[in-house]
Amino acid sequence: MAAVMLCPHCLTQAKPKTYTKGSIAIELLAWLLFLIPGLFYSLWRMNSRYRGCPSCGEPGMIHVDTPRAQRLLFPETQP
């Protein structure tokens, strides 16, 4: 179970979503027509996965308990 995190880009507080670059349709086509490129494309897609903000899609979400997150959420309380 993932913890609630903060997106420093749009300030959304949510659980991160897993994103995979590329297209499943192109991956299937590459496997059907060309065996070796299909393998390389699949490996690239697996290695390009990242966890990002469910709202804006940006990577780099941070825990809400960190000092940086607290500065972003409550800027008026900072000296």
PDB file of N, CA and C in Angstrom:
ATOM      1  N   MET A   1       0.840  -1.156   0.000  1.00  0.00           N
ATOM      2  CA  MET A   1       0.000   0.000   0.000  1.00  0.00           C
ATOM      3  C   MET A   1       0.900   1.238   0.000  1.00  0.00           C
ATOM      4  N   ALA A   2       0.728   2.088  -0.971  1.00  0.00           N
ATOM      5  CA  ALA A   2       1.546   3.288  -1.096  1.00  0.00           C
ATOM      6  C   ALA A   2       1.017   4.395  -0.185  1.00  0.00           C
ATOM      7  N   ALA A   3       1.936   5.168   0.327  1.00  0.00           N
ATOM      8  CA  ALA A   3       1.570   6.283   1.198  1.00  0.00           C
ATOM      9  C   ALA A   3       1.116   7.467   0.357  1.00  0.00           C
ATOM     10  N   VAL A   4       0.359   8.350   0.979  1.00  0.00           N
ATOM     11  CA  VAL A   4      -0.051   9.573   0.307  1.00  0.00           C
ATOM     12  C   VAL A   4       1.175  10.459   0.160  1.00  0.00           C
ATOM     13  N   MET A   5       1.378  10.970  -1.051  1.00  0.00           N
ATOM     14  CA  MET A   5       2.548  11.782  -1.338  1.00  0.00           C
ATOM     15  C   MET A   5       2.112  13.107  -1.950  1.00  0.00           C
ATOM     16  N   LEU A   6       3.053  14.032  -2.052  1.00  0.00           N
ATOM     17  CA  LEU A   6       2.786  15.368  -2.572  1.00  0.00           C
ATOM     18  C   LEU A   6       3.523  15.568  -3.886  1.00  0.00           C
ATOM     19  N   CYS A   7       2.831  16.113  -4.874  1.00  0.00           N
ATOM     20  CA  CYS A   7       3.466  16.467  -6.139  1.00  0.00           C
ATOM     21  C   CYS A   7       3.971  17.902  -6.021  1.00  0.00           C
ATOM     22  N   PRO A   8       5.284  18.130  -6.158  1.00  0.00           N
ATOM     23  CA  PRO A   8       5.801  19.491  -6.040  1.00  0.00           C
ATOM     24  C   PRO A   8       5.441  20.377  -7.232  1.00  0.00           C
ATOM     25  N   HIS A   9       4.932  19.784  -8.306  1.00  0.00           N
ATOM     26  CA  HIS A   9       4.579  20.545  -9.504  1.00  0.00           C
ATOM     27  C   HIS A   9       3.174  21.139  -9.424  1.00  0.00           C
ATOM     28  N   CYS A  10       2.207  20.336  -8.976  1.00  0.00           N
ATOM     29  CA  CYS A  10       0.817  20.818  -8.940  1.00  0.00           C
ATOM     30  C   CYS A  10       0.215  20.789  -7.532  1.00  0.00           C
ATOM     31  N   LEU A  11       1.008  20.365  -6.539  1.00  0.00           N
ATOM     32  CA  LEU A  11       0.610  20.302  -5.121  1.00  0.00           C
ATOM     33  C   LEU A  11      -0.556  19.354  -4.852  1.00  0.00           C
ATOM     34  N   THR A  12      -0.731  18.359  -5.691  1.00  0.00           N
ATOM     35  CA  THR A  12      -1.743  17.331  -5.468  1.00  0.00           C
ATOM     36  C   THR A  12      -1.237  16.361  -4.411  1.00  0.00           C
ATOM     37  N   GLN A  13      -2.099  16.010  -3.474  1.00  0.00           N
ATOM     38  CA  GLN A  13      -1.777  15.004  -2.465  1.00  0.00           C
ATOM     39  C   GLN A  13      -2.543  13.741  -2.827  1.00  0.00           C
ATOM     40  N   ALA A  14      -1.819  12.697  -3.219  1.00  0.00           N
ATOM     41  CA  ALA A  14      -2.452  11.453  -3.646  1.00  0.00           C
ATOM     42  C   ALA A  14      -1.428  10.329  -3.638  1.00  0.00           C
ATOM     43  N   LYS A  15      -1.898   9.133  -3.879  1.00  0.00           N
ATOM     44  CA  LYS A  15      -0.999   7.995  -4.043  1.00  0.00           C
ATOM     45  C   LYS A  15      -0.443   8.044  -5.465  1.00  0.00           C
ATOM     46  N   PRO A  16       0.853   7.805  -5.649  1.00  0.00           N
ATOM     47  CA  PRO A  16       1.442   7.847  -6.984  1.00  0.00           C
ATOM     48  C   PRO A  16       0.858   6.775  -7.901  1.00  0.00           C
ATOM     49  N   LYS A  17       0.858   7.069  -9.183  1.00  0.00           N
ATOM     50  CA  LYS A  17       0.366   6.145 -10.203  1.00  0.00           C
ATOM     51  C   LYS A  17       1.571   5.684 -11.031  1.00  0.00           C
ATOM     52  N   THR A  18       1.568   4.432 -11.473  1.00  0.00           N
ATOM     53  CA  THR A  18       2.646   3.912 -12.302  1.00  0.00           C
ATOM     54  C   THR A  18       2.359   4.215 -13.766  1.00  0.00           C
ATOM     55  N   TYR A  19       3.340   4.819 -14.440  1.00  0.00           N
ATOM     56  CA  TYR A  19       3.233   5.148 -15.857  1.00  0.00           C
ATOM     57  C   TYR A  19       4.266   4.344 -16.634  1.00  0.00           C
ATOM     58  N   THR A  20       3.910   3.937 -17.854  1.00  0.00           N
ATOM     59  CA  THR A  20       4.826   3.244 -18.740  1.00  0.00           C
ATOM     60  C   THR A  20       4.867   4.007 -20.056  1.00  0.00           C
ATOM     61  N   LYS A  21       6.075   4.365 -20.471  1.00  0.00           N
ATOM     62  CA  LYS A  21       6.222   5.080 -21.732  1.00  0.00           C
ATOM     63  C   LYS A  21       5.973   4.136 -22.891  1.00  0.00           C
ATOM     64  N   GLY A  22       5.656   4.692 -24.049  1.00  0.00           N
ATOM     65  CA  GLY A  22       5.446   3.885 -25.238  1.00  0.00           C
ATOM     66  C   GLY A  22       3.996   3.470 -25.402  1.00  0.00           C
ATOM     67  N   SER A  23       3.771   2.550 -26.322  1.00  0.00           N
ATOM     68  CA  SER A  23       2.422   2.121 -26.672  1.00  0.00           C
ATOM     69  C   SER A  23       2.332   0.600 -26.703  1.00  0.00           C
ATOM     70  N   ILE A  24       1.286   0.070 -26.103  1.00  0.00           N
ATOM     71  CA  ILE A  24       1.075  -1.380 -26.139  1.00  0.00           C
ATOM     72  C   ILE A  24       0.771  -1.852 -27.558  1.00  0.00           C
ATOM     73  N   ALA A  25       0.105  -1.022 -28.356  1.00  0.00           N
ATOM     74  CA  ALA A  25      -0.209  -1.393 -29.738  1.00  0.00           C
ATOM     75  C   ALA A  25       1.063  -1.529 -30.567  1.00  0.00           C
ATOM     76  N   ILE A  26       1.990  -0.595 -30.404  1.00  0.00           N
ATOM     77  CA  ILE A  26       3.262  -0.680 -31.140  1.00  0.00           C
ATOM     78  C   ILE A  26       4.066  -1.875 -30.655  1.00  0.00           C
ATOM     79  N   GLU A  27       4.005  -2.152 -29.367  1.00  0.00           N
ATOM     80  CA  GLU A  27       4.723  -3.305 -28.827  1.00  0.00           C
ATOM     81  C   GLU A  27       4.196  -4.612 -29.431  1.00  0.00           C
ATOM     82  N   LEU A  28       2.884  -4.747 -29.485  1.00  0.00           N
ATOM     83  CA  LEU A  28       2.303  -5.955 -30.078  1.00  0.00           C
ATOM     84  C   LEU A  28       2.632  -6.071 -31.557  1.00  0.00           C
ATOM     85  N   LEU A  29       2.566  -4.969 -32.285  1.00  0.00           N
ATOM     86  CA  LEU A  29       2.900  -4.970 -33.709  1.00  0.00           C
ATOM     87  C   LEU A  29       4.358  -5.351 -33.920  1.00  0.00           C
ATOM     88  N   ALA A  30       5.245  -4.814 -33.091  1.00  0.00           N
ATOM     89  CA  ALA A  30       6.664  -5.141 -33.206  1.00  0.00           C
ATOM     90  C   ALA A  30       6.916  -6.622 -32.933  1.00  0.00           C
ATOM     91  N   TRP A  31       6.195  -7.192 -31.966  1.00  0.00           N
ATOM     92  CA  TRP A  31       6.348  -8.626 -31.686  1.00  0.00           C
ATOM     93  C   TRP A  31       5.807  -9.480 -32.831  1.00  0.00           C
ATOM     94  N   LEU A  32       4.686  -9.060 -33.415  1.00  0.00           N
ATOM     95  CA  LEU A  32       4.087  -9.855 -34.489  1.00  0.00           C
ATOM     96  C   LEU A  32       4.903  -9.807 -35.776  1.00  0.00           C
ATOM     97  N   LEU A  33       5.454  -8.643 -36.086  1.00  0.00           N
ATOM     98  CA  LEU A  33       6.166  -8.491 -37.352  1.00  0.00           C
ATOM     99  C   LEU A  33       7.666  -8.718 -37.245  1.00  0.00           C
ATOM    100  N   PHE A  34       8.251  -8.288 -36.151  1.00  0.00           N
ATOM    101  CA  PHE A  34       9.707  -8.345 -36.016  1.00  0.00           C
ATOM    102  C   PHE A  34      10.047  -8.822 -34.611  1.00  0.00           C
ATOM    103  N   LEU A  35      10.647  -9.973 -34.503  1.00  0.00           N
ATOM    104  CA  LEU A  35      10.902 -10.578 -33.201  1.00  0.00           C
ATOM    105  C   LEU A  35      11.930  -9.793 -32.380  1.00  0.00           C
ATOM    106  N   ILE A  36      13.075  -9.487 -32.943  1.00  0.00           N
ATOM    107  CA  ILE A  36      14.142  -8.809 -32.195  1.00  0.00           C
ATOM    108  C   ILE A  36      13.750  -7.376 -31.818  1.00  0.00           C
ATOM    109  N   PRO A  37      13.221  -6.551 -32.745  1.00  0.00           N
ATOM    110  CA  PRO A  37      12.783  -5.213 -32.315  1.00  0.00           C
ATOM    111  C   PRO A  37      11.671  -5.263 -31.267  1.00  0.00           C
ATOM    112  N   GLY A  38      10.811  -6.254 -31.341  1.00  0.00           N
ATOM    113  CA  GLY A  38       9.769  -6.412 -30.334  1.00  0.00           C
ATOM    114  C   GLY A  38      10.355  -6.650 -28.961  1.00  0.00           C
ATOM    115  N   LEU A  39      11.403  -7.442 -28.894  1.00  0.00           N
ATOM    116  CA  LEU A  39      12.086  -7.709 -27.630  1.00  0.00           C
ATOM    117  C   LEU A  39      12.707  -6.431 -27.077  1.00  0.00           C
ATOM    118  N   PHE A  40      13.417  -5.688 -27.928  1.00  0.00           N
ATOM    119  CA  PHE A  40      14.049  -4.448 -27.476  1.00  0.00           C
ATOM    120  C   PHE A  40      13.011  -3.416 -27.044  1.00  0.00           C
ATOM    121  N   TYR A  41      11.914  -3.321 -27.771  1.00  0.00           N
ATOM    122  CA  TYR A  41      10.871  -2.361 -27.416  1.00  0.00           C
ATOM    123  C   TYR A  41      10.245  -2.736 -26.068  1.00  0.00           C
ATOM    124  N   SER A  42      10.007  -4.019 -25.855  1.00  0.00           N
ATOM    125  CA  SER A  42       9.447  -4.470 -24.578  1.00  0.00           C
ATOM    126  C   SER A  42      10.394  -4.184 -23.424  1.00  0.00           C
ATOM    127  N   LEU A  43      11.677  -4.431 -23.622  1.00  0.00           N
ATOM    128  CA  LEU A  43      12.664  -4.146 -22.577  1.00  0.00           C
ATOM    129  C   LEU A  43      12.721  -2.648 -22.281  1.00  0.00           C
ATOM    130  N   TRP A  44      12.674  -1.810 -23.324  1.00  0.00           N
ATOM    131  CA  TRP A  44      12.681  -0.368 -23.116  1.00  0.00           C
ATOM    132  C   TRP A  44      11.452   0.079 -22.336  1.00  0.00           C
ATOM    133  N   ARG A  45      10.280  -0.458 -22.687  1.00  0.00           N
ATOM    134  CA  ARG A  45       9.051  -0.082 -21.977  1.00  0.00           C
ATOM    135  C   ARG A  45       9.115  -0.486 -20.509  1.00  0.00           C
ATOM    136  N   MET A  46       9.635  -1.679 -20.225  1.00  0.00           N
ATOM    137  CA  MET A  46       9.734  -2.131 -18.840  1.00  0.00           C
ATOM    138  C   MET A  46      10.686  -1.246 -18.041  1.00  0.00           C
ATOM    139  N   ASN A  47      11.770  -0.796 -18.664  1.00  0.00           N
ATOM    140  CA  ASN A  47      12.759   0.026 -17.965  1.00  0.00           C
ATOM    141  C   ASN A  47      12.377   1.503 -17.900  1.00  0.00           C
ATOM    142  N   SER A  48      11.338   1.903 -18.618  1.00  0.00           N
ATOM    143  CA  SER A  48      10.946   3.321 -18.611  1.00  0.00           C
ATOM    144  C   SER A  48       9.758   3.587 -17.690  1.00  0.00           C
ATOM    145  N   ARG A  49       9.370   2.614 -16.888  1.00  0.00           N
ATOM    146  CA  ARG A  49       8.266   2.816 -15.950  1.00  0.00           C
ATOM    147  C   ARG A  49       8.688   3.775 -14.847  1.00  0.00           C
ATOM    148  N   TYR A  50       7.731   4.576 -14.418  1.00  0.00           N
ATOM    149  CA  TYR A  50       7.986   5.471 -13.301  1.00  0.00           C
ATOM    150  C   TYR A  50       6.703   5.721 -12.545  1.00  0.00           C
ATOM    151  N   ARG A  51       6.851   6.128 -11.306  1.00  0.00           N
ATOM    152  CA  ARG A  51       5.704   6.462 -10.463  1.00  0.00           C
ATOM    153  C   ARG A  51       5.597   7.973 -10.451  1.00  0.00           C
ATOM    154  N   GLY A  52       4.420   8.460 -10.814  1.00  0.00           N
ATOM    155  CA  GLY A  52       4.231   9.895 -10.908  1.00  0.00           C
ATOM    156  C   GLY A  52       2.890  10.332 -10.366  1.00  0.00           C
ATOM    157  N   CYS A  53       2.656  11.620 -10.474  1.00  0.00           N
ATOM    158  CA  CYS A  53       1.429  12.239  -9.981  1.00  0.00           C
ATOM    159  C   CYS A  53       0.231  11.780 -10.808  1.00  0.00           C
ATOM    160  N   PRO A  54      -0.856  11.344 -10.170  1.00  0.00           N
ATOM    161  CA  PRO A  54      -2.038  10.929 -10.933  1.00  0.00           C
ATOM    162  C   PRO A  54      -2.760  12.108 -11.587  1.00  0.00           C
ATOM    163  N   SER A  55      -2.469  13.325 -11.136  1.00  0.00           N
ATOM    164  CA  SER A  55      -3.130  14.499 -11.689  1.00  0.00           C
ATOM    165  C   SER A  55      -2.392  15.065 -12.899  1.00  0.00           C
ATOM    166  N   CYS A  56      -1.078  15.320 -12.757  1.00  0.00           N
ATOM    167  CA  CYS A  56      -0.333  15.960 -13.846  1.00  0.00           C
ATOM    168  C   CYS A  56       0.636  15.009 -14.556  1.00  0.00           C
ATOM    169  N   GLY A  57       0.914  13.839 -13.983  1.00  0.00           N
ATOM    170  CA  GLY A  57       1.782  12.857 -14.622  1.00  0.00           C
ATOM    171  C   GLY A  57       3.273  13.078 -14.417  1.00  0.00           C
ATOM    172  N   GLU A  58       3.654  14.120 -13.700  1.00  0.00           N
ATOM    173  CA  GLU A  58       5.069  14.408 -13.473  1.00  0.00           C
ATOM    174  C   GLU A  58       5.672  13.433 -12.463  1.00  0.00           C
ATOM    175  N   PRO A  59       6.922  13.003 -12.688  1.00  0.00           N
ATOM    176  CA  PRO A  59       7.602  12.173 -11.694  1.00  0.00           C
ATOM    177  C   PRO A  59       8.114  13.032 -10.548  1.00  0.00           C
ATOM    178  N   GLY A  60       8.580  12.404  -9.494  1.00  0.00           N
ATOM    179  CA  GLY A  60       9.223  13.127  -8.406  1.00  0.00           C
ATOM    180  C   GLY A  60       8.322  13.503  -7.251  1.00  0.00           C
ATOM    181  N   MET A  61       7.305  12.700  -6.973  1.00  0.00           N
ATOM    182  CA  MET A  61       6.458  12.981  -5.816  1.00  0.00           C
ATOM    183  C   MET A  61       7.265  12.767  -4.542  1.00  0.00           C
ATOM    184  N   ILE A  62       6.938  13.539  -3.490  1.00  0.00           N
ATOM    185  CA  ILE A  62       7.663  13.468  -2.229  1.00  0.00           C
ATOM    186  C   ILE A  62       6.687  13.160  -1.091  1.00  0.00           C
ATOM    187  N   HIS A  63       7.207  12.560  -0.018  1.00  0.00           N
ATOM    188  CA  HIS A  63       6.371  12.256   1.141  1.00  0.00           C
ATOM    189  C   HIS A  63       5.899  13.550   1.785  1.00  0.00           C
ATOM    190  N   VAL A  64       4.671  13.561   2.254  1.00  0.00           N
ATOM    191  CA  VAL A  64       4.107  14.775   2.863  1.00  0.00           C
ATOM    192  C   VAL A  64       4.760  15.114   4.199  1.00  0.00           C
ATOM    193  N   ASP A  65       5.494  14.182   4.795  1.00  0.00           N
ATOM    194  CA  ASP A  65       6.143  14.420   6.080  1.00  0.00           C
ATOM    195  C   ASP A  65       7.506  15.092   5.955  1.00  0.00           C
ATOM    196  N   THR A  66       8.029  15.232   4.751  1.00  0.00           N
ATOM    197  CA  THR A  66       9.367  15.804   4.584  1.00  0.00           C
ATOM    198  C   THR A  66       9.337  17.317   4.773  1.00  0.00           C
ATOM    199  N   PRO A  67      10.474  17.902   5.147  1.00  0.00           N
ATOM    200  CA  PRO A  67      10.532  19.354   5.303  1.00  0.00           C
ATOM    201  C   PRO A  67      10.183  20.106   4.014  1.00  0.00           C
ATOM    202  N   ARG A  68      10.615  19.605   2.886  1.00  0.00           N
ATOM    203  CA  ARG A  68      10.296  20.263   1.607  1.00  0.00           C
ATOM    204  C   ARG A  68       8.795  20.303   1.372  1.00  0.00           C
ATOM    205  N   ALA A  69       8.117  19.188   1.629  1.00  0.00           N
ATOM    206  CA  ALA A  69       6.662  19.147   1.449  1.00  0.00           C
ATOM    207  C   ALA A  69       5.970  20.109   2.398  1.00  0.00           C
ATOM    208  N   GLN A  70       6.456  20.201   3.621  1.00  0.00           N
ATOM    209  CA  GLN A  70       5.856  21.116   4.583  1.00  0.00           C
ATOM    210  C   GLN A  70       6.043  22.577   4.153  1.00  0.00           C
ATOM    211  N   ARG A  71       7.208  22.901   3.566  1.00  0.00           N
ATOM    212  CA  ARG A  71       7.426  24.254   3.053  1.00  0.00           C
ATOM    213  C   ARG A  71       6.491  24.575   1.896  1.00  0.00           C
ATOM    214  N   LEU A  72       6.237  23.569   1.027  1.00  0.00           N
ATOM    215  CA  LEU A  72       5.336  23.782  -0.107  1.00  0.00           C
ATOM    216  C   LEU A  72       3.881  23.914   0.335  1.00  0.00           C
ATOM    217  N   LEU A  73       3.500  23.134   1.334  1.00  0.00           N
ATOM    218  CA  LEU A  73       2.110  23.150   1.792  1.00  0.00           C
ATOM    219  C   LEU A  73       1.784  24.342   2.688  1.00  0.00           C
ATOM    220  N   PHE A  74       2.743  24.730   3.517  1.00  0.00           N
ATOM    221  CA  PHE A  74       2.504  25.794   4.497  1.00  0.00           C
ATOM    222  C   PHE A  74       3.593  26.862   4.403  1.00  0.00           C
ATOM    223  N   PRO A  75       3.646  27.623   3.338  1.00  0.00           N
ATOM    224  CA  PRO A  75       4.737  28.612   3.195  1.00  0.00           C
ATOM    225  C   PRO A  75       4.646  29.753   4.204  1.00  0.00           C
ATOM    226  N   GLU A  76       3.471  30.037   4.729  1.00  0.00           N
ATOM    227  CA  GLU A  76       3.334  31.158   5.661  1.00  0.00           C
ATOM    228  C   GLU A  76       3.929  30.862   7.030  1.00  0.00           C
ATOM    229  N   THR A  77       4.145  29.598   7.364  1.00  0.00           N
ATOM    230  CA  THR A  77       4.688  29.242   8.676  1.00  0.00           C
ATOM    231  C   THR A  77       6.213  29.182   8.665  1.00  0.00           C
ATOM    232  N   GLN A  78       6.833  29.360   7.513  1.00  0.00           N
ATOM    233  CA  GLN A  78       8.269  29.285   7.415  1.00  0.00           C
ATOM    234  C   GLN A  78       8.901  30.640   7.712  1.00  0.00           C
ATOM    235  N   PRO A  79      10.078  30.645   8.401  1.00  0.00           N
ATOM    236  CA  PRO A  79      10.741  31.918   8.722  1.00  0.00           C
ATOM    237  C   PRO A  79      11.330  32.584   7.492  1.00  0.00           C
TER     238      PRO A  79
END
